Protein backbone atom coordinates (compact mmCIF):
# COMPACT_ATOMS: atom_id res chain seq x y z
CA MET A 1 0.00 0.00 0.00
CA LYS A 2 1.09 3.58 -0.65
CA ILE A 3 0.45 5.88 2.30
CA ALA A 4 0.80 9.65 2.54
CA MET A 5 1.20 11.02 6.07
CA ILE A 6 0.35 14.71 6.35
CA GLY A 7 2.24 16.17 9.30
CA THR A 8 5.53 15.07 10.85
CA GLY A 9 4.82 15.98 14.44
CA TYR A 10 4.87 13.36 17.14
CA VAL A 11 1.86 11.37 15.90
CA GLY A 12 2.55 11.72 12.19
CA LEU A 13 6.23 10.84 12.36
CA VAL A 14 5.83 7.84 14.65
CA SER A 15 2.84 6.53 12.67
CA GLY A 16 4.54 7.03 9.30
CA VAL A 17 7.72 5.32 10.42
CA CYS A 18 5.82 2.38 11.90
CA PHE A 19 3.59 1.94 8.84
CA SER A 20 6.73 1.73 6.72
CA ASP A 21 8.03 -0.94 9.08
CA PHE A 22 4.83 -2.88 8.32
CA GLY A 23 6.06 -2.98 4.72
CA HIS A 24 4.02 -0.12 3.26
CA ASN A 25 5.49 2.64 1.12
CA VAL A 26 5.12 5.82 3.16
CA VAL A 27 5.73 9.44 2.23
CA CYS A 28 5.66 11.88 5.15
CA VAL A 29 4.77 15.46 4.25
CA ASP A 30 5.28 18.70 6.13
CA LYS A 31 5.32 22.37 5.18
CA ALA A 32 8.25 23.00 7.53
CA VAL A 33 11.19 22.93 5.12
CA GLU A 34 13.81 22.86 7.87
CA LYS A 35 12.18 19.87 9.54
CA ILE A 36 11.97 17.91 6.28
CA ASP A 37 15.61 18.74 5.49
CA LYS A 38 16.67 17.36 8.88
CA LEU A 39 14.59 14.21 8.43
CA ASN A 40 16.15 13.64 5.01
CA GLN A 41 19.53 13.93 6.72
CA GLY A 42 18.51 11.26 9.21
CA GLU A 43 17.90 13.63 12.13
CA VAL A 44 14.86 12.92 14.32
CA PRO A 45 13.30 16.17 15.62
CA ILE A 46 11.76 14.54 18.71
CA PHE A 47 13.12 12.27 21.41
CA GLU A 48 11.39 8.89 21.31
CA PRO A 49 13.29 5.71 22.25
CA GLY A 50 13.86 3.47 19.24
CA LEU A 51 12.42 5.85 16.64
CA GLU A 52 15.70 6.80 14.99
CA ASP A 53 16.68 3.16 14.41
CA VAL A 54 13.34 2.19 12.88
CA MET A 55 13.33 5.31 10.72
CA SER A 56 16.82 4.80 9.33
CA ARG A 57 16.12 1.13 8.61
CA ASN A 58 13.06 1.90 6.51
CA VAL A 59 14.61 4.85 4.73
CA ALA A 60 17.48 2.55 3.73
CA ALA A 61 14.96 -0.04 2.53
CA GLY A 62 13.32 2.57 0.29
CA ARG A 63 9.93 2.37 2.00
CA LEU A 64 10.05 5.72 3.80
CA SER A 65 10.69 9.22 2.49
CA PHE A 66 10.06 12.85 3.47
CA THR A 67 8.94 15.78 1.34
CA THR A 68 7.28 19.19 1.33
CA ASP A 69 5.48 18.35 -1.93
CA ILE A 70 1.99 17.27 -0.91
CA ALA A 71 0.87 16.66 -4.51
CA ALA A 72 3.64 14.16 -5.10
CA ALA A 73 2.96 12.43 -1.80
CA VAL A 74 -0.81 12.12 -2.35
CA ASP A 75 -0.58 11.10 -6.02
CA GLY A 76 -1.53 7.43 -6.24
CA ALA A 77 -1.84 6.97 -2.48
CA ASP A 78 -4.25 4.33 -1.23
CA ALA A 79 -4.65 6.19 2.06
CA VAL A 80 -3.87 9.73 3.14
CA PHE A 81 -3.51 10.23 6.87
CA ILE A 82 -4.06 13.68 8.37
CA ALA A 83 -1.86 13.93 11.47
CA VAL A 84 -1.54 17.65 12.04
CA GLY A 85 -1.84 19.51 15.32
CA THR A 86 -5.15 20.28 17.02
CA PRO A 87 -4.06 22.66 19.78
CA THR A 88 -6.46 24.11 22.30
CA ARG A 89 -8.14 27.14 20.80
CA ARG A 90 -7.65 30.32 22.78
CA GLY A 91 -10.69 31.63 24.56
CA ASP A 92 -13.02 28.64 24.52
CA GLY A 93 -10.93 25.50 25.17
CA HIS A 94 -12.06 23.79 21.97
CA ALA A 95 -9.68 21.94 19.64
CA ASP A 96 -8.45 24.23 16.87
CA LEU A 97 -9.22 22.48 13.56
CA THR A 98 -7.54 25.07 11.34
CA TYR A 99 -4.68 22.76 10.38
CA VAL A 100 -6.96 19.76 9.84
CA MET A 101 -9.25 21.61 7.43
CA ALA A 102 -6.30 23.19 5.61
CA ALA A 103 -4.81 19.72 5.15
CA ALA A 104 -8.16 18.43 3.88
CA GLU A 105 -8.24 21.16 1.25
CA ASP A 106 -4.66 20.39 0.20
CA VAL A 107 -5.44 16.68 -0.09
CA ALA A 108 -8.58 17.39 -2.13
CA ARG A 109 -6.58 19.39 -4.65
CA ALA A 110 -3.87 16.71 -4.87
CA ILE A 111 -5.94 13.52 -4.99
CA THR A 112 -5.71 11.67 -8.34
CA GLY A 113 -7.60 8.43 -7.72
CA TYR A 114 -9.60 6.65 -5.06
CA ALA A 115 -8.14 7.09 -1.59
CA VAL A 116 -9.25 6.82 2.00
CA ILE A 117 -8.66 10.11 3.82
CA VAL A 118 -7.94 9.12 7.41
CA THR A 119 -7.99 11.51 10.34
CA LYS A 120 -5.24 10.50 12.76
CA SER A 121 -5.32 13.77 14.67
CA THR A 122 -7.43 13.95 17.82
CA VAL A 123 -10.57 15.78 16.73
CA PRO A 124 -14.02 16.61 18.17
CA VAL A 125 -17.02 14.52 17.23
CA GLY A 126 -18.32 15.46 13.79
CA THR A 127 -14.93 16.49 12.39
CA ASN A 128 -14.61 13.64 9.90
CA ARG A 129 -17.95 14.60 8.35
CA LYS A 130 -16.66 18.17 8.05
CA VAL A 131 -13.50 16.83 6.39
CA LYS A 132 -15.68 14.91 3.94
CA GLN A 133 -17.63 18.08 3.16
CA VAL A 134 -14.49 20.19 2.69
CA VAL A 135 -12.92 17.65 0.32
CA ALA A 136 -16.10 17.32 -1.73
CA GLU A 137 -16.52 21.09 -1.99
CA THR A 138 -12.86 21.67 -2.89
CA ASN A 139 -12.81 18.89 -5.49
CA PRO A 140 -16.29 17.71 -6.54
CA HIS A 141 -14.73 14.99 -8.71
CA ALA A 142 -12.64 13.43 -5.94
CA ASP A 143 -13.17 9.70 -5.41
CA PHE A 144 -12.67 9.11 -1.70
CA ASP A 145 -13.96 7.90 1.64
CA VAL A 146 -13.15 9.25 5.07
CA ALA A 147 -12.09 7.28 8.12
CA SER A 148 -11.35 8.06 11.74
CA ASN A 149 -8.28 6.29 13.16
CA PRO A 150 -7.32 7.93 16.48
CA GLU A 151 -3.91 7.25 17.97
CA PHE A 152 -3.24 5.87 21.45
CA LEU A 153 0.52 6.28 21.67
CA ARG A 154 2.29 6.84 24.96
CA GLU A 155 5.23 9.17 24.64
CA GLY A 156 8.32 7.24 25.61
CA ALA A 157 6.80 3.90 24.52
CA ALA A 158 5.26 4.87 21.18
CA ILE A 159 7.01 2.29 18.98
CA GLU A 160 5.89 -0.61 21.15
CA ASP A 161 2.39 0.87 21.43
CA PHE A 162 2.09 1.05 17.66
CA MET A 163 3.51 -2.40 17.03
CA LYS A 164 1.72 -4.10 19.95
CA PRO A 165 -1.40 -2.02 20.57
CA ASP A 166 -4.08 -2.61 23.18
CA ARG A 167 -6.48 -1.92 20.32
CA VAL A 168 -6.78 -0.14 16.99
CA VAL A 169 -9.93 1.92 16.47
CA VAL A 170 -11.18 2.49 12.92
CA GLY A 171 -14.31 4.52 12.17
CA ILE A 172 -15.59 3.97 8.62
CA GLU A 173 -18.75 4.12 6.51
CA SER A 174 -18.07 1.91 3.46
CA GLU A 175 -16.84 -1.60 2.69
CA ARG A 176 -14.39 -0.11 0.22
CA ALA A 177 -12.73 1.93 2.95
CA ALA A 178 -12.87 -1.05 5.32
CA LYS A 179 -10.83 -3.15 2.89
CA VAL A 180 -8.15 -0.48 2.58
CA MET A 181 -7.87 -0.03 6.34
CA ALA A 182 -7.80 -3.79 6.89
CA GLU A 183 -4.92 -4.10 4.44
CA ILE A 184 -3.01 -1.27 6.13
CA TYR A 185 -3.33 -2.96 9.52
CA ARG A 186 -2.98 -6.50 8.16
CA PRO A 187 0.23 -7.20 10.18
CA LEU A 188 -1.74 -6.56 13.38
CA TYR A 189 -4.73 -8.63 12.23
CA LEU A 190 -2.38 -11.54 11.61
CA ARG A 191 -1.07 -11.30 15.18
CA ASP A 192 -4.59 -11.09 16.65
CA PHE A 193 -4.36 -7.59 18.08
CA PRO A 194 -7.86 -6.16 18.67
CA ILE A 195 -9.16 -4.06 15.77
CA LEU A 196 -12.39 -2.25 16.59
CA THR A 197 -14.35 -1.15 13.53
CA THR A 198 -17.09 1.33 14.32
CA ASP A 199 -18.83 4.45 13.02
CA LEU A 200 -17.12 7.80 12.63
CA GLU A 201 -18.65 9.49 15.65
CA SER A 202 -17.92 6.62 18.03
CA ALA A 203 -14.28 6.51 16.95
CA GLU A 204 -13.93 10.24 17.57
CA ILE A 205 -15.47 10.03 21.02
CA ILE A 206 -13.48 6.92 22.03
CA LYS A 207 -10.24 8.87 21.89
CA TYR A 208 -11.47 11.72 24.09
CA ALA A 209 -13.28 9.40 26.49
CA ALA A 210 -10.21 7.20 26.98
CA ASN A 211 -7.87 10.10 27.72
CA ALA A 212 -10.39 11.81 29.97
CA PHE A 213 -10.88 8.63 31.98
CA LEU A 214 -7.14 8.22 32.51
CA ALA A 215 -6.86 11.87 33.51
CA THR A 216 -9.71 11.28 35.94
CA LYS A 217 -7.78 8.48 37.64
CA ILE A 218 -4.80 10.80 38.06
CA SER A 219 -6.83 13.64 39.52
CA PHE A 220 -8.74 11.23 41.75
CA ILE A 221 -5.60 9.75 43.32
CA ASN A 222 -4.14 13.24 43.74
CA GLU A 223 -7.19 14.26 45.75
CA ILE A 224 -6.88 11.09 47.81
CA ALA A 225 -3.21 12.00 48.36
CA ALA A 226 -4.25 15.34 49.83
CA LEU A 227 -6.64 13.53 52.15
CA CYS A 228 -3.89 11.11 53.21
CA GLU A 229 -1.63 14.01 54.12
CA ARG A 230 -4.28 15.41 56.46
CA ALA A 231 -5.71 12.15 57.80
CA GLY A 232 -2.47 10.24 58.21
CA GLY A 233 -2.65 7.63 55.44
CA ASP A 234 -0.05 6.65 52.83
CA VAL A 235 -1.32 7.17 49.29
CA LYS A 236 1.02 4.49 47.90
CA GLU A 237 -0.62 1.90 50.12
CA VAL A 238 -4.07 3.23 49.31
CA ALA A 239 -3.36 3.11 45.58
CA ARG A 240 -2.00 -0.41 45.88
CA GLY A 241 -5.11 -1.52 47.73
CA MET A 242 -7.31 0.06 45.08
CA GLY A 243 -5.30 -1.24 42.14
CA LEU A 244 -5.53 -4.86 43.25
CA ASP A 245 -9.23 -4.67 42.44
CA GLY A 246 -9.45 -5.97 38.89
CA ARG A 247 -12.28 -3.57 38.13
CA ILE A 248 -9.99 -0.63 38.88
CA GLY A 249 -6.47 -1.72 37.95
CA ASN A 250 -3.20 -0.18 39.11
CA LYS A 251 -2.39 2.02 36.11
CA PHE A 252 -2.57 5.82 36.48
CA LEU A 253 -2.92 5.65 40.25
CA HIS A 254 0.44 7.26 41.00
CA ALA A 255 0.05 10.48 42.95
CA GLY A 256 2.19 13.38 41.77
CA PRO A 257 2.26 17.04 40.75
CA GLY A 258 -0.53 16.72 38.17
CA TYR A 259 -0.80 15.54 34.60
CA GLY A 260 0.62 17.36 31.58
CA GLY A 261 1.75 16.54 28.08
CA SER A 262 0.32 16.82 24.60
CA CYS A 263 -2.92 14.91 25.18
CA PHE A 264 -4.58 15.01 28.59
CA PRO A 265 -4.75 18.80 29.09
CA LYS A 266 -6.09 19.62 25.63
CA ASP A 267 -8.31 16.54 25.31
CA THR A 268 -10.03 17.04 28.67
CA SER A 269 -10.56 20.69 27.79
CA ALA A 270 -11.95 19.80 24.35
CA LEU A 271 -14.27 17.12 25.75
CA ALA A 272 -15.65 19.56 28.30
CA ARG A 273 -16.27 22.04 25.50
CA ILE A 274 -17.94 19.39 23.31
CA GLY A 275 -20.28 18.55 26.17
CA GLN A 276 -21.20 22.19 26.61
CA GLU A 277 -21.91 22.60 22.90
CA HIS A 278 -24.23 19.61 22.94
CA ALA A 279 -25.93 20.73 26.18
CA VAL A 280 -24.61 17.66 27.98
CA PRO A 281 -22.07 19.11 30.45
CA GLN A 282 -19.23 16.72 31.25
CA THR A 283 -19.15 17.68 34.90
CA ILE A 284 -16.72 14.98 35.99
CA VAL A 285 -14.22 16.03 33.32
CA GLU A 286 -14.64 19.68 34.26
CA ALA A 287 -13.87 18.77 37.89
CA VAL A 288 -10.82 16.79 36.77
CA ILE A 289 -9.45 19.88 35.04
CA ARG A 290 -9.99 22.04 38.13
CA VAL A 291 -8.36 19.46 40.40
CA ASN A 292 -5.32 19.19 38.13
CA ASP A 293 -4.80 22.95 38.11
CA ALA A 294 -5.15 23.04 41.90
CA VAL A 295 -2.68 20.19 42.42
CA LYS A 296 0.09 22.11 40.68
CA LEU A 297 -0.52 25.12 42.91
CA ARG A 298 -0.58 22.86 45.96
CA MET A 299 2.90 21.65 45.02
CA VAL A 300 4.14 25.23 45.06
CA GLU A 301 2.86 25.63 48.61
CA LYS A 302 4.59 22.40 49.65
CA LEU A 303 7.87 23.81 48.43
CA ARG A 304 7.23 27.16 50.08
CA ASP A 305 6.66 25.43 53.43
CA LEU A 306 10.01 23.64 53.05
CA CYS A 307 11.68 26.97 52.37
CA ASP A 308 10.48 28.59 55.59
CA ASP A 309 7.56 30.30 53.80
CA SER A 310 9.75 32.20 51.35
CA PHE A 311 11.66 31.33 48.17
CA ASN A 312 13.57 34.60 48.27
CA GLY A 313 17.31 34.04 48.34
CA LYS A 314 16.98 30.24 48.30
CA THR A 315 18.81 27.97 45.86
CA VAL A 316 16.63 25.15 44.55
CA ALA A 317 17.77 22.16 42.48
CA VAL A 318 15.03 20.63 40.32
CA LEU A 319 15.43 17.15 38.88
CA GLY A 320 13.25 16.71 35.81
CA VAL A 321 11.16 19.22 33.87
CA THR A 322 9.53 17.20 31.08
CA PHE A 323 5.95 16.15 31.78
CA LYS A 324 7.04 12.50 32.05
CA PRO A 325 10.27 10.49 31.62
CA ASN A 326 11.56 9.20 28.26
CA THR A 327 10.37 12.23 26.30
CA ASP A 328 11.52 15.76 25.59
CA ASP A 329 7.93 17.03 25.62
CA MET A 330 7.35 20.05 27.85
CA ARG A 331 3.74 20.75 26.90
CA ASP A 332 1.68 21.61 30.00
CA ALA A 333 4.33 20.03 32.23
CA PRO A 334 3.91 20.74 35.97
CA SER A 335 7.37 22.31 35.85
CA LEU A 336 5.91 25.19 33.81
CA THR A 337 3.81 26.15 36.81
CA ILE A 338 6.17 25.24 39.64
CA ILE A 339 9.50 26.60 38.42
CA PRO A 340 8.20 30.06 37.46
CA ALA A 341 6.70 30.30 40.96
CA LEU A 342 10.11 29.53 42.43
CA VAL A 343 11.88 32.06 40.21
CA GLY A 344 9.16 34.66 40.74
CA GLY A 345 9.55 34.23 44.49
CA GLY A 346 13.23 35.07 44.30
CA ALA A 347 14.81 31.60 44.19
CA LYS A 348 17.85 30.65 42.16
CA VAL A 349 16.82 27.52 40.28
CA ARG A 350 19.15 24.87 38.89
CA VAL A 351 17.66 22.29 36.54
CA VAL A 352 18.75 18.78 35.56
CA ASP A 353 16.86 16.85 32.85
CA PRO A 354 18.22 14.25 30.39
CA GLN A 355 16.14 15.58 27.47
CA GLY A 356 14.31 18.69 28.60
CA ARG A 357 16.85 21.38 27.86
CA ARG A 358 16.11 21.69 24.11
CA GLU A 359 12.57 22.92 24.73
CA GLY A 360 13.07 24.03 28.32
CA GLU A 361 15.60 26.80 27.70
CA ALA A 362 12.96 28.89 25.94
CA LEU A 363 10.10 27.93 28.26
CA LEU A 364 11.97 28.32 31.54
CA PRO A 365 14.08 31.48 31.43
CA ASN A 366 16.23 32.58 34.35
CA VAL A 367 17.25 29.08 35.42
CA SER A 368 20.65 27.42 35.09
CA TRP A 369 21.00 24.03 33.42
CA HIS A 370 23.22 21.24 34.73
CA ASP A 371 24.05 17.70 33.63
CA ASP A 372 24.97 16.30 37.04
CA PRO A 373 22.51 16.17 39.99
CA TYR A 374 25.36 16.25 42.48
CA GLU A 375 26.70 19.44 40.92
CA ALA A 376 23.21 20.99 40.82
CA VAL A 377 22.60 20.49 44.56
CA ARG A 378 25.93 21.92 45.68
CA GLY A 379 25.09 24.62 48.23
CA ALA A 380 21.34 24.29 47.53
CA ASP A 381 18.64 24.81 50.14
CA LEU A 382 16.09 22.45 48.55
CA LEU A 383 16.07 19.47 46.19
CA VAL A 384 12.89 18.90 44.17
CA ILE A 385 12.25 15.67 42.24
CA LEU A 386 9.72 16.63 39.60
CA THR A 387 10.04 13.95 36.86
CA GLU A 388 10.78 10.31 37.61
CA TRP A 389 13.57 9.66 35.10
CA ASN A 390 15.38 6.37 35.73
CA GLU A 391 18.56 8.37 36.27
CA PHE A 392 17.01 9.84 39.41
CA ARG A 393 15.78 6.58 40.95
CA ALA A 394 19.07 5.37 42.44
CA LEU A 395 20.89 8.51 43.50
CA ASP A 396 23.36 8.51 46.38
CA LEU A 397 21.16 10.36 48.87
CA SER A 398 23.97 10.77 51.41
CA ARG A 399 26.15 12.44 48.80
CA LEU A 400 23.30 14.73 47.80
CA ALA A 401 22.61 15.72 51.42
CA GLN A 402 26.29 16.37 52.12
CA ASN A 403 26.55 18.69 49.09
CA MET A 404 23.61 20.85 50.13
CA SER A 405 23.60 23.94 52.29
CA GLN A 406 20.35 22.74 53.85
CA ALA A 407 19.44 19.11 53.21
CA ARG A 408 15.74 19.31 52.36
CA MET A 409 13.92 17.24 49.76
CA ALA A 410 10.54 17.51 48.05
CA ASP A 411 9.99 14.16 46.35
CA LEU A 412 6.98 14.93 44.17
CA ARG A 413 7.02 11.46 42.59
CA ASN A 414 7.48 9.38 45.77
CA ILE A 415 10.64 7.77 44.42
CA TYR A 416 12.28 7.57 47.84
CA SER A 417 10.95 6.80 51.29
CA PRO A 418 11.04 9.26 54.18
CA GLU A 419 13.14 6.72 56.13
CA ASP A 420 15.78 6.49 53.37
CA ALA A 421 15.96 10.26 53.10
CA GLY A 422 16.29 10.65 56.86
CA ASP A 423 18.96 7.97 57.13
CA ALA A 424 20.92 9.70 54.36
CA GLY A 425 21.05 12.95 56.30
CA PHE A 426 18.09 14.93 54.95
CA ALA A 427 16.76 17.13 57.73
CA ALA A 428 13.41 17.52 56.00
CA TYR A 429 11.55 15.39 53.46
CA VAL A 430 8.06 15.67 51.95
CA GLY A 431 6.45 13.39 49.41
CA ILE A 432 2.94 13.16 48.06
CA GLY A 433 0.10 11.73 50.12
CA ARG A 434 2.16 10.80 53.17
């Protein structure tokens, strides 16, 4: 099959590379000339474990290429995937479909034969029907079907998620389109991975509902953590007791400084807006959003308490600024709330992150960047663990404490125990939900 992938952001690039590894001929398209030039030179613009190896292998095999020429990419394609950004629209919280509709117009002008136009971007319910309308109006002679094929990739584990998915969701309306999509995902059919074929609207809602439910689990356990801190419980034990119930499961029950990233913040906001537009308020999702915003502010107050009620003149070492480990993604990361509060309060902030500096330098001005945690804490008044990178899970706590001016730790991911911190010489330690 020949596939055109419109957009080389996180979703488009990972999906295009993985489709080529299935054996399809894939052309990835983007209007960003500099990005395409780098991809053609073998440079991957995002950090995703394993992506560079899979990309180079398929480029060498002749199955994967990159271009700015959308007409050449779409010409003769069996399927054209739209994988452009749908950022939160300013003012109303809805997903901005500007790039999706622009891509649909471009595809309509470039299409030369029958093709399935597949929306891979996360879009509100009804978007695929709008795409169908835009294509038909732009090119009344176009022979096409539309399909909804939302992605469920975890940053940091995207290759495995694509190759070994929990499920693939395909929203379609015709047998013709169904055959094309079945052929595209044939390698997964052969290995018995679940493929759910449904209508367009259900496929669109599944994506939002899944992300909102996971975000709900995070906000729920963060509220339970706050209760544990007041009532005397340990949120790790509570979460373990909950997670052993098969109806609940143990995933996404890790208390922390709130969720961030490219999906949960914008998808919960969009789902809340969709509910409002259809006069069916999503009150649980709206509460989840409020709780997540409040959790980040609560973390700031935790740090302030450790700094004797004032950040002014304090030196703070922060380990981790990306929204999660194994990614360079800073979008809506808790660090973007917490670190500016530290700096604004007069603290000198030193940051260590294995991949966060590329984006973080622009997003977090007035901080200093370090490669070594032990160097970053030298003379510091507070150590904050903000992202649970593996590199931070087995630190020499005694060495850290000895290097600090005042040995105080805020472990916002509960990596270490209060006992271990105390034994290592930390005079003060706070975690989450303890």
